Amino acid sequence: MSLSTHVLDVVAGRPASGVSVRLESWTGDDWSPAAEGSTDADGRIGELGGPGAGRHRITFDTGGYFAALGVVTFYPEVSVVFEIADADQHHHVPLLLSPFGYTTYRGS
């Protein structure tokens, strides 16, 4: 199993590069760190580990991204909790981002 992500700044109309991303896995009583990285010039992290089946959380440091641009944001971070049933599949978690809103979905 592999996990990837990308972040698009929908207001600027371009990839969001330099966004810090943290992946955590649910251990049954708490979250434990699994991987971390930053989006590249194309707004992507091609491989963010292989967390396996179970519940996971990916957190995007949107506040840091917008602060670097001098833009005020309502959402200083975005956390997406998802559950992997089939660990043999590739999973992709995209984030469409603006200072006052965001959307995510299971990508391919």
Protein backbone atom coordinates (compact mmCIF):
# COMPACT_ATOMS: atom_id res chain seq x y z
CA MET A 1 0.00 0.00 0.00
CA SER A 2 1.16 3.48 -0.67
CA LEU A 3 -0.26 6.87 0.19
CA SER A 4 0.15 10.09 -1.76
CA THR A 5 -1.30 13.59 -1.56
CA HIS A 6 -1.36 16.88 -3.36
CA VAL A 7 -2.53 20.37 -2.43
CA LEU A 8 -3.96 22.89 -4.88
CA ASP A 9 -4.42 26.56 -4.01
CA VAL A 10 -7.71 27.21 -5.80
CA VAL A 11 -7.60 30.98 -5.25
CA ALA A 12 -4.14 31.35 -6.78
CA GLY A 13 -4.90 28.68 -9.38
CA ARG A 14 -1.67 26.77 -8.79
CA PRO A 15 -0.16 23.96 -6.73
CA ALA A 16 0.55 24.77 -3.09
CA SER A 17 4.25 24.07 -2.63
CA GLY A 18 5.97 23.86 0.73
CA VAL A 19 2.94 22.70 2.73
CA SER A 20 4.06 20.61 5.72
CA VAL A 21 2.11 17.36 6.02
CA ARG A 22 1.97 14.89 8.91
CA LEU A 23 0.54 11.37 8.77
CA GLU A 24 -0.57 9.58 11.93
CA SER A 25 -2.12 6.17 12.57
CA TRP A 26 -4.73 5.30 15.19
CA THR A 27 -3.34 2.69 17.61
CA GLY A 28 -6.61 2.00 19.43
CA ASP A 29 -6.21 4.62 22.14
CA ASP A 30 -4.17 7.43 20.57
CA TRP A 31 -2.60 8.73 17.37
CA SER A 32 1.00 7.77 16.65
CA PRO A 33 3.31 9.43 14.10
CA ALA A 34 3.71 7.51 10.84
CA ALA A 35 5.35 9.90 8.34
CA GLU A 36 5.84 13.54 7.45
CA GLY A 37 6.92 15.62 4.51
CA SER A 38 6.34 18.79 2.51
CA THR A 39 4.69 19.29 -0.84
CA ASP A 40 7.03 19.80 -3.79
CA ALA A 41 6.88 22.52 -6.46
CA ASP A 42 3.91 20.71 -8.03
CA GLY A 43 2.09 20.60 -4.65
CA ARG A 44 2.61 16.84 -4.33
CA ILE A 45 4.03 14.25 -2.01
CA GLY A 46 4.31 11.14 -4.15
CA GLU A 47 4.96 8.75 -1.30
CA LEU A 48 3.90 9.38 2.28
CA GLY A 49 4.58 5.92 3.62
CA GLY A 50 2.45 2.81 3.66
CA PRO A 51 0.39 2.95 6.83
CA GLY A 52 -1.57 -0.25 6.15
CA ALA A 53 -5.16 -1.06 7.02
CA GLY A 54 -6.89 0.93 9.73
CA ARG A 55 -7.70 4.52 10.66
CA HIS A 56 -5.28 7.30 9.76
CA ARG A 57 -5.10 11.08 9.95
CA ILE A 58 -3.29 13.40 7.57
CA THR A 59 -2.78 16.98 8.78
CA PHE A 60 -1.84 19.86 6.48
CA ASP A 61 -0.15 22.98 7.92
CA THR A 62 -2.27 25.42 5.95
CA GLY A 63 -1.50 28.25 8.38
CA GLY A 64 2.21 28.05 7.63
CA TYR A 65 1.55 27.98 3.90
CA PHE A 66 -0.67 31.07 3.95
CA ALA A 67 1.56 32.93 6.44
CA ALA A 68 4.48 32.56 4.01
CA LEU A 69 2.28 34.26 1.38
CA GLY A 70 1.18 37.01 3.79
CA VAL A 71 -2.43 35.79 3.60
CA VAL A 72 -4.77 35.50 6.60
CA THR A 73 -6.57 32.15 6.82
CA PHE A 74 -9.49 30.90 8.87
CA TYR A 75 -8.12 27.33 8.91
CA PRO A 76 -4.57 27.16 10.34
CA GLU A 77 -4.54 23.41 9.79
CA VAL A 78 -6.65 20.84 8.01
CA SER A 79 -6.92 17.30 9.37
CA VAL A 80 -8.48 14.54 7.31
CA VAL A 81 -9.30 11.25 9.03
CA PHE A 82 -9.75 8.26 6.73
CA GLU A 83 -9.93 4.50 6.98
CA ILE A 84 -8.07 2.03 4.78
CA ALA A 85 -9.80 -1.32 4.30
CA ASP A 86 -7.60 -2.75 1.54
CA ALA A 87 -3.93 -2.12 2.29
CA ASP A 88 -2.89 -3.48 -1.13
CA GLN A 89 -4.44 -0.52 -2.95
CA HIS A 90 -2.85 2.85 -3.58
CA HIS A 91 -4.60 5.69 -1.70
CA HIS A 92 -4.47 9.36 -2.66
CA VAL A 93 -5.78 12.20 -0.44
CA PRO A 94 -5.93 15.52 -2.33
CA LEU A 95 -6.70 18.87 -0.74
CA LEU A 96 -8.23 21.83 -2.60
CA LEU A 97 -7.45 24.88 -0.52
CA SER A 98 -8.42 28.51 -0.11
CA PRO A 99 -7.94 30.83 2.89
CA PHE A 100 -11.57 30.34 3.96
CA GLY A 101 -12.45 26.86 2.79
CA TYR A 102 -11.19 23.46 1.70
CA THR A 103 -12.35 20.27 0.00
CA THR A 104 -10.94 16.78 -0.01
CA TYR A 105 -11.85 13.48 -1.60
CA ARG A 106 -10.38 10.05 -2.27
CA GLY A 107 -8.33 10.44 -5.39
CA SER A 108 -6.70 7.87 -7.61
